[in-house]
C-alpha atoms as a PDB file:
ATOM      1  CA  MET A   1     101.977  97.753  89.354  1.00  0.00           C
ATOM      2  CA  ILE A   2     104.619 100.043  87.889  1.00  0.00           C
ATOM      3  CA  GLU A   3     105.606 103.377  89.416  1.00  0.00           C
ATOM      4  CA  HIS A   4     105.893 106.295  87.016  1.00  0.00           C
ATOM      5  CA  SER A   5     109.371 107.085  88.340  1.00  0.00           C
ATOM      6  CA  GLN A   6     110.576 103.667  87.071  1.00  0.00           C
ATOM      7  CA  LEU A   7     109.748 104.482  83.435  1.00  0.00           C
ATOM      8  CA  SER A   8     111.237 106.850  80.894  1.00  0.00           C
ATOM      9  CA  SER A   9     108.768 108.847  78.805  1.00  0.00           C
ATOM     10  CA  GLU A  10     109.603 106.766  75.749  1.00  0.00           C
ATOM     11  CA  ASN A  11     109.192 103.469  77.623  1.00  0.00           C
ATOM     12  CA  LEU A  12     105.849 104.633  79.066  1.00  0.00           C
ATOM     13  CA  ARG A  13     104.505 105.576  75.614  1.00  0.00           C
ATOM     14  CA  SER A  14     105.655 102.224  74.242  1.00  0.00           C
ATOM     15  CA  LYS A  15     103.915 100.250  77.011  1.00  0.00           C
ATOM     16  CA  ILE A  16     100.691 102.237  76.517  1.00  0.00           C
ATOM     17  CA  HIS A  17     100.845 101.721  72.751  1.00  0.00           C
ATOM     18  CA  ARG A  18     101.331  97.945  73.221  1.00  0.00           C
ATOM     19  CA  ARG A  19      98.451  97.985  75.754  1.00  0.00           C
ATOM     20  CA  GLU A  20     100.691  96.681  78.557  1.00  0.00           C
ATOM     21  CA  ILE A  21      99.480  99.668  80.594  1.00  0.00           C
ATOM     22  CA  ARG A  22      95.761 100.434  80.515  1.00  0.00           C
ATOM     23  CA  PHE A  23      95.050 102.181  83.842  1.00  0.00           C
ATOM     24  CA  GLY A  24      96.734 104.760  86.020  1.00  0.00           C
ATOM     25  CA  GLY A  25      96.471 105.218  89.756  1.00  0.00           C
ATOM     26  CA  ASN A  26      97.368 107.460  92.667  1.00  0.00           C
ATOM     27  CA  LYS A  27      99.435 105.516  95.212  1.00  0.00           C
ATOM     28  CA  LYS A  28      98.665 107.928  98.074  1.00  0.00           C
ATOM     29  CA  LEU A  29      94.896 107.965  97.560  1.00  0.00           C
ATOM     30  CA  LYS A  30      94.693 104.340  96.343  1.00  0.00           C
ATOM     31  CA  ILE A  31      92.470 105.289  93.377  1.00  0.00           C
ATOM     32  CA  TYR A  32      92.794 103.968  89.806  1.00  0.00           C
ATOM     33  CA  GLY A  33      91.223 105.192  86.581  1.00  0.00           C
ATOM     34  CA  LEU A  34      91.513 105.570  82.839  1.00  0.00           C
ATOM     35  CA  LEU A  35      94.695 107.079  81.423  1.00  0.00           C
ATOM     36  CA  ASN A  36      92.769 109.985  79.892  1.00  0.00           C
ATOM     37  CA  CYS A  37      90.935 110.908  83.127  1.00  0.00           C
ATOM     38  CA  ARG A  38      91.045 114.620  83.891  1.00  0.00           C
ATOM     39  CA  SER A  39      91.538 113.940  87.609  1.00  0.00           C
ATOM     40  CA  GLY A  40      94.370 111.510  86.965  1.00  0.00           C
ATOM     41  CA  LYS A  41      96.228 113.907  84.710  1.00  0.00           C
ATOM     42  CA  ARG A  42      96.495 116.425  87.563  1.00  0.00           C
ATOM     43  CA  MET A  43      98.262 114.120  90.024  1.00  0.00           C
ATOM     44  CA  LYS A  44     101.926 114.492  90.848  1.00  0.00           C
ATOM     45  CA  LYS A  45     104.284 112.241  88.919  1.00  0.00           C
ATOM     46  CA  GLU A  46     105.751 110.789  92.134  1.00  0.00           C
ATOM     47  CA  ASN A  47     102.271 109.574  93.186  1.00  0.00           C
ATOM     48  CA  ARG A  48     101.392 107.982  89.824  1.00  0.00           C
ATOM     49  CA  VAL A  49     101.382 104.223  89.244  1.00  0.00           C
ATOM     50  CA  PHE A  50     100.230 102.131  86.288  1.00  0.00           C
ATOM     51  CA  PHE A  51      98.308  98.873  85.941  1.00  0.00           C
ATOM     52  CA  ALA A  52      97.822  96.388  83.117  1.00  0.00           C
ATOM     53  CA  ASP A  53      94.147  95.872  83.997  1.00  0.00           C
ATOM     54  CA  GLU A  54      91.471  96.563  86.595  1.00  0.00           C
ATOM     55  CA  LYS A  55      92.041  93.215  88.301  1.00  0.00           C
ATOM     56  CA  GLU A  56      95.645  94.178  89.074  1.00  0.00           C
ATOM     57  CA  ALA A  57      94.540  97.525  90.527  1.00  0.00           C
ATOM     58  CA  LEU A  58      91.901  95.890  92.728  1.00  0.00           C
ATOM     59  CA  GLU A  59      94.350  93.217  93.907  1.00  0.00           C
ATOM     60  CA  ASN A  60      96.681  96.010  95.045  1.00  0.00           C
ATOM     61  CA  GLY A  61      93.907  97.614  97.125  1.00  0.00           C
ATOM     62  CA  TYR A  62      92.950 100.465  94.789  1.00  0.00           C
ATOM     63  CA  ARG A  63      89.381 101.655  94.256  1.00  0.00           C
ATOM     64  CA  PRO A  64      87.798 102.850  90.984  1.00  0.00           C
ATOM     65  CA  CYS A  65      87.766 106.563  90.143  1.00  0.00           C
ATOM     66  CA  GLY A  66      84.383 108.214  90.615  1.00  0.00           C
ATOM     67  CA  HIS A  67      84.899 110.466  87.573  1.00  0.00           C
ATOM     68  CA  CYS A  68      86.006 108.194  84.744  1.00  0.00           C
ATOM     69  CA  ILE A  69      84.789 104.721  85.868  1.00  0.00           C
ATOM     70  CA  LYS A  70      81.451 105.683  87.410  1.00  0.00           C
ATOM     71  CA  GLU A  71      79.731 102.283  87.179  1.00  0.00           C
ATOM     72  CA  ALA A  72      82.627 100.404  88.790  1.00  0.00           C
ATOM     73  CA  TYR A  73      82.866 103.127  91.436  1.00  0.00           C
ATOM     74  CA  LYS A  74      79.149 102.780  92.278  1.00  0.00           C
ATOM     75  CA  LEU A  75      79.521  98.998  92.607  1.00  0.00           C
ATOM     76  CA  TRP A  76      82.608  99.428  94.808  1.00  0.00           C
ATOM     77  CA  LYS A  77      80.864 102.010  96.984  1.00  0.00           C
ATOM     78  CA  ASN A  78      77.779  99.836  97.511  1.00  0.00           C
ATOM     79  CA  GLN A  79      79.783  96.782  98.624  1.00  0.00           C
END
């Protein structure tokens, strides 16, 4: 898990381009989703974190976003 505040804009773009970062999350709400999610784009920078994959997000106690990862969210909700 990488906090947005730890990355420069250039470093963030580079990690996304190299697919080292594939998901974003909200550390206050403990929700993760796709980088292009409309809900995720509205969050404050200080609350934003990044993950390499879904497994990393789940291991850190985050749940799937109900907007951009609907199937995973439904599975999580029905557990």
